[in-house]
């Protein structure tokens, strides 16, 4: 599995509850751009419209080798491929109590298909963000001390 893009901001701003793997409908030039790591998922989100899931605000820039007459919009909505039950479950939970659906990472699976990992998430408050930063710093210090101890 080759990870192309990560959305680090999503894990900072949201607490992740459930993860799903979704296929993504792309054009040929977009696949080439993804293989060249020209993707940004920073402010992307997923909306469910008329029973179909769409990815919004994901930036896939075009390559210089793309045909001049046909350049797709870099931030166009892209359809996600999910099972009907998954879409219904996500839609039901996203309508209740401040839950959001966010994109976490874009990668190619073993069959060279572009996949998007999405998650049902709940927004963090400021004090939750501070707690996660403290926890991250503590884990880093523990790892460093273990590394130093193993050198001796």
C-alpha atoms as a PDB file:
ATOM      1  CA  UNK A   1       0.000   0.000   0.000  1.00  0.00           C
ATOM      2  CA  UNK A   2       1.550   3.274  -1.144  1.00  0.00           C
ATOM      3  CA  UNK A   3       0.270   6.299   0.799  1.00  0.00           C
ATOM      4  CA  UNK A   4       0.026   9.381  -1.408  1.00  0.00           C
ATOM      5  CA  UNK A   5      -1.504  12.050   0.837  1.00  0.00           C
ATOM      6  CA  UNK A   6      -2.351  12.372   4.527  1.00  0.00           C
ATOM      7  CA  UNK A   7      -4.715  14.802   6.201  1.00  0.00           C
ATOM      8  CA  UNK A   8      -2.902  15.502   9.469  1.00  0.00           C
ATOM      9  CA  UNK A   9      -5.198  18.406  10.263  1.00  0.00           C
ATOM     10  CA  UNK A  10      -8.184  16.050  10.443  1.00  0.00           C
ATOM     11  CA  UNK A  11      -6.654  13.997  13.252  1.00  0.00           C
ATOM     12  CA  UNK A  12      -5.785  17.211  15.105  1.00  0.00           C
ATOM     13  CA  UNK A  13      -9.206  18.874  14.743  1.00  0.00           C
ATOM     14  CA  UNK A  14     -11.411  15.776  15.053  1.00  0.00           C
ATOM     15  CA  UNK A  15     -11.626  12.665  17.168  1.00  0.00           C
ATOM     16  CA  UNK A  16     -11.999   9.727  14.795  1.00  0.00           C
ATOM     17  CA  UNK A  17     -14.838   7.300  15.558  1.00  0.00           C
ATOM     18  CA  UNK A  18     -15.156   4.966  12.549  1.00  0.00           C
ATOM     19  CA  UNK A  19     -13.007   4.510   9.443  1.00  0.00           C
ATOM     20  CA  UNK A  20     -14.128   3.405   5.981  1.00  0.00           C
ATOM     21  CA  UNK A  21     -12.348   2.674   2.710  1.00  0.00           C
ATOM     22  CA  UNK A  22     -13.888   4.233  -0.380  1.00  0.00           C
ATOM     23  CA  UNK A  23     -13.031   4.087  -4.055  1.00  0.00           C
ATOM     24  CA  UNK A  24     -12.815   7.396  -5.861  1.00  0.00           C
ATOM     25  CA  UNK A  25     -13.926   8.235  -9.405  1.00  0.00           C
ATOM     26  CA  UNK A  26     -11.047   9.958 -11.206  1.00  0.00           C
ATOM     27  CA  UNK A  27     -10.107  11.062 -14.688  1.00  0.00           C
ATOM     28  CA  UNK A  28      -6.953   9.783 -16.396  1.00  0.00           C
ATOM     29  CA  UNK A  29      -4.977  12.969 -15.909  1.00  0.00           C
ATOM     30  CA  UNK A  30      -5.936  13.021 -12.220  1.00  0.00           C
ATOM     31  CA  UNK A  31      -4.549   9.519 -11.726  1.00  0.00           C
ATOM     32  CA  UNK A  32      -1.235  10.653 -13.198  1.00  0.00           C
ATOM     33  CA  UNK A  33      -1.221  13.662 -10.865  1.00  0.00           C
ATOM     34  CA  UNK A  34      -1.897  11.430  -7.882  1.00  0.00           C
ATOM     35  CA  UNK A  35       0.972   9.140  -8.860  1.00  0.00           C
ATOM     36  CA  UNK A  36       3.171  12.261  -8.949  1.00  0.00           C
ATOM     37  CA  UNK A  37       2.048  13.152  -5.375  1.00  0.00           C
ATOM     38  CA  UNK A  38       0.324  16.375  -6.431  1.00  0.00           C
ATOM     39  CA  UNK A  39      -2.583  16.040  -3.979  1.00  0.00           C
ATOM     40  CA  UNK A  40      -3.720  18.080  -0.979  1.00  0.00           C
ATOM     41  CA  UNK A  41      -6.473  16.803   1.332  1.00  0.00           C
ATOM     42  CA  UNK A  42      -6.108  19.521   3.960  1.00  0.00           C
ATOM     43  CA  UNK A  43      -9.599  21.104   3.938  1.00  0.00           C
ATOM     44  CA  UNK A  44     -11.449  18.285   2.218  1.00  0.00           C
ATOM     45  CA  UNK A  45     -14.736  16.900   3.468  1.00  0.00           C
ATOM     46  CA  UNK A  46     -17.421  14.473   2.341  1.00  0.00           C
ATOM     47  CA  UNK A  47     -21.086  15.257   1.759  1.00  0.00           C
ATOM     48  CA  UNK A  48     -23.843  12.814   0.948  1.00  0.00           C
ATOM     49  CA  UNK A  49     -26.152  14.160  -1.757  1.00  0.00           C
ATOM     50  CA  UNK A  50     -29.163  12.148  -2.997  1.00  0.00           C
ATOM     51  CA  UNK A  51     -27.746   8.867  -1.701  1.00  0.00           C
ATOM     52  CA  UNK A  52     -24.262   9.357  -3.201  1.00  0.00           C
ATOM     53  CA  UNK A  53     -21.073  10.392  -1.417  1.00  0.00           C
ATOM     54  CA  UNK A  54     -18.925  13.193  -2.853  1.00  0.00           C
ATOM     55  CA  UNK A  55     -15.494  14.505  -1.893  1.00  0.00           C
ATOM     56  CA  UNK A  56     -15.262  18.303  -1.825  1.00  0.00           C
ATOM     57  CA  UNK A  57     -12.289  20.698  -1.640  1.00  0.00           C
ATOM     58  CA  UNK A  58      -9.629  18.063  -2.361  1.00  0.00           C
ATOM     59  CA  UNK A  59      -6.985  19.671  -4.542  1.00  0.00           C
ATOM     60  CA  UNK A  60      -5.494  17.480  -7.290  1.00  0.00           C
ATOM     61  CA  UNK A  61      -3.315  19.710  -9.431  1.00  0.00           C
ATOM     62  CA  UNK A  62      -2.848  19.098 -13.135  1.00  0.00           C
ATOM     63  CA  UNK A  63       0.437  18.061 -14.686  1.00  0.00           C
ATOM     64  CA  UNK A  64       2.218  20.041 -17.354  1.00  0.00           C
ATOM     65  CA  UNK A  65       1.851  17.135 -19.754  1.00  0.00           C
ATOM     66  CA  UNK A  66      -1.959  17.261 -19.634  1.00  0.00           C
ATOM     67  CA  UNK A  67      -3.741  18.192 -22.850  1.00  0.00           C
ATOM     68  CA  UNK A  68      -4.246  21.977 -23.036  1.00  0.00           C
ATOM     69  CA  UNK A  69      -7.805  21.625 -24.332  1.00  0.00           C
ATOM     70  CA  UNK A  70      -8.934  19.415 -21.499  1.00  0.00           C
ATOM     71  CA  UNK A  71      -7.868  20.309 -17.981  1.00  0.00           C
ATOM     72  CA  UNK A  72     -10.313  19.253 -15.274  1.00  0.00           C
ATOM     73  CA  UNK A  73     -11.068  21.616 -12.412  1.00  0.00           C
ATOM     74  CA  UNK A  74      -8.543  20.973  -9.642  1.00  0.00           C
ATOM     75  CA  UNK A  75     -11.102  21.253  -6.823  1.00  0.00           C
ATOM     76  CA  UNK A  76     -14.096  19.665  -8.520  1.00  0.00           C
ATOM     77  CA  UNK A  77     -16.367  17.365  -6.471  1.00  0.00           C
ATOM     78  CA  UNK A  78     -15.382  13.742  -6.906  1.00  0.00           C
ATOM     79  CA  UNK A  79     -17.766  10.836  -6.447  1.00  0.00           C
ATOM     80  CA  UNK A  80     -16.885   8.210  -3.857  1.00  0.00           C
ATOM     81  CA  UNK A  81     -17.689   4.533  -4.280  1.00  0.00           C
ATOM     82  CA  UNK A  82     -19.253   3.029  -1.161  1.00  0.00           C
ATOM     83  CA  UNK A  83     -21.853   0.378  -0.458  1.00  0.00           C
ATOM     84  CA  UNK A  84     -25.420   1.619   0.001  1.00  0.00           C
ATOM     85  CA  UNK A  85     -25.489   0.420   3.628  1.00  0.00           C
ATOM     86  CA  UNK A  86     -22.294   2.333   4.411  1.00  0.00           C
ATOM     87  CA  UNK A  87     -23.671   5.498   2.821  1.00  0.00           C
ATOM     88  CA  UNK A  88     -26.931   5.194   4.771  1.00  0.00           C
ATOM     89  CA  UNK A  89     -25.050   4.611   8.023  1.00  0.00           C
ATOM     90  CA  UNK A  90     -22.747   7.590   7.434  1.00  0.00           C
ATOM     91  CA  UNK A  91     -25.630   9.838   6.439  1.00  0.00           C
ATOM     92  CA  UNK A  92     -27.669   8.904   9.504  1.00  0.00           C
ATOM     93  CA  UNK A  93     -24.794   9.522  11.907  1.00  0.00           C
ATOM     94  CA  UNK A  94     -23.619  12.727  10.222  1.00  0.00           C
ATOM     95  CA  UNK A  95     -27.050  14.326  10.631  1.00  0.00           C
ATOM     96  CA  UNK A  96     -26.943  13.866  14.414  1.00  0.00           C
ATOM     97  CA  UNK A  97     -25.031  15.929  16.938  1.00  0.00           C
ATOM     98  CA  UNK A  98     -22.026  17.543  15.274  1.00  0.00           C
ATOM     99  CA  UNK A  99     -20.553  14.556  13.472  1.00  0.00           C
ATOM    100  CA  UNK A 100     -18.617  15.142  10.252  1.00  0.00           C
ATOM    101  CA  UNK A 101     -17.221  12.932   7.510  1.00  0.00           C
ATOM    102  CA  UNK A 102     -13.608  13.762   6.693  1.00  0.00           C
ATOM    103  CA  UNK A 103     -10.931  12.389   4.367  1.00  0.00           C
ATOM    104  CA  UNK A 104      -7.912  10.944   6.176  1.00  0.00           C
ATOM    105  CA  UNK A 105      -5.585   9.575   3.511  1.00  0.00           C
ATOM    106  CA  UNK A 106      -5.347   8.776  -0.173  1.00  0.00           C
ATOM    107  CA  UNK A 107      -3.409   5.713  -1.271  1.00  0.00           C
ATOM    108  CA  UNK A 108      -3.039   3.029  -3.912  1.00  0.00           C
ATOM    109  CA  UNK A 109      -3.952  -0.471  -2.760  1.00  0.00           C
ATOM    110  CA  UNK A 110      -2.219  -3.662  -3.893  1.00  0.00           C
ATOM    111  CA  UNK A 111      -4.252  -3.752  -7.125  1.00  0.00           C
ATOM    112  CA  UNK A 112      -3.176  -0.196  -8.043  1.00  0.00           C
ATOM    113  CA  UNK A 113      -6.627   1.259  -7.381  1.00  0.00           C
ATOM    114  CA  UNK A 114      -6.815   4.700  -5.802  1.00  0.00           C
ATOM    115  CA  UNK A 115      -8.570   4.470  -2.447  1.00  0.00           C
ATOM    116  CA  UNK A 116      -9.586   7.121   0.041  1.00  0.00           C
ATOM    117  CA  UNK A 117      -9.799   6.432   3.747  1.00  0.00           C
ATOM    118  CA  UNK A 118     -12.663   8.424   5.207  1.00  0.00           C
ATOM    119  CA  UNK A 119     -13.820   8.673   8.791  1.00  0.00           C
ATOM    120  CA  UNK A 120     -16.844   9.589  10.810  1.00  0.00           C
ATOM    121  CA  UNK A 121     -15.494  12.171  13.229  1.00  0.00           C
ATOM    122  CA  UNK A 122     -16.569  14.507  15.987  1.00  0.00           C
ATOM    123  CA  UNK A 123     -14.973  17.930  16.372  1.00  0.00           C
ATOM    124  CA  UNK A 124     -12.588  18.493  19.269  1.00  0.00           C
ATOM    125  CA  UNK A 125     -12.785  21.407  21.662  1.00  0.00           C
ATOM    126  CA  UNK A 126      -9.733  23.542  22.419  1.00  0.00           C
ATOM    127  CA  UNK A 127      -8.969  21.722  25.669  1.00  0.00           C
ATOM    128  CA  UNK A 128      -9.149  18.371  23.848  1.00  0.00           C
ATOM    129  CA  UNK A 129      -6.573  19.603  21.343  1.00  0.00           C
ATOM    130  CA  UNK A 130      -4.274  20.655  24.193  1.00  0.00           C
ATOM    131  CA  UNK A 131      -4.615  17.244  25.815  1.00  0.00           C
ATOM    132  CA  UNK A 132      -3.736  15.462  22.572  1.00  0.00           C
ATOM    133  CA  UNK A 133      -0.655  17.682  22.157  1.00  0.00           C
ATOM    134  CA  UNK A 134       0.486  16.895  25.721  1.00  0.00           C
ATOM    135  CA  UNK A 135      -0.022  13.190  25.094  1.00  0.00           C
ATOM    136  CA  UNK A 136       1.943  13.378  21.845  1.00  0.00           C
ATOM    137  CA  UNK A 137       4.858  15.139  23.581  1.00  0.00           C
ATOM    138  CA  UNK A 138       4.879  12.576  26.391  1.00  0.00           C
ATOM    139  CA  UNK A 139       4.915   9.683  23.924  1.00  0.00           C
ATOM    140  CA  UNK A 140       7.809  11.276  22.050  1.00  0.00           C
ATOM    141  CA  UNK A 141       9.803  11.715  25.287  1.00  0.00           C
ATOM    142  CA  UNK A 142       9.127   8.104  26.292  1.00  0.00           C
ATOM    143  CA  UNK A 143      10.295   6.866  22.907  1.00  0.00           C
ATOM    144  CA  UNK A 144      13.489   8.941  23.154  1.00  0.00           C
ATOM    145  CA  UNK A 145      14.284   7.695  26.650  1.00  0.00           C
ATOM    146  CA  UNK A 146      13.711   4.077  25.571  1.00  0.00           C
ATOM    147  CA  UNK A 147      15.988   4.622  22.600  1.00  0.00           C
ATOM    148  CA  UNK A 148      18.730   6.047  24.828  1.00  0.00           C
ATOM    149  CA  UNK A 149      18.303   3.205  27.318  1.00  0.00           C
ATOM    150  CA  UNK A 150      18.619   0.562  24.594  1.00  0.00           C
ATOM    151  CA  UNK A 151      21.905   2.131  23.376  1.00  0.00           C
ATOM    152  CA  UNK A 152      23.561   1.491  26.740  1.00  0.00           C
END
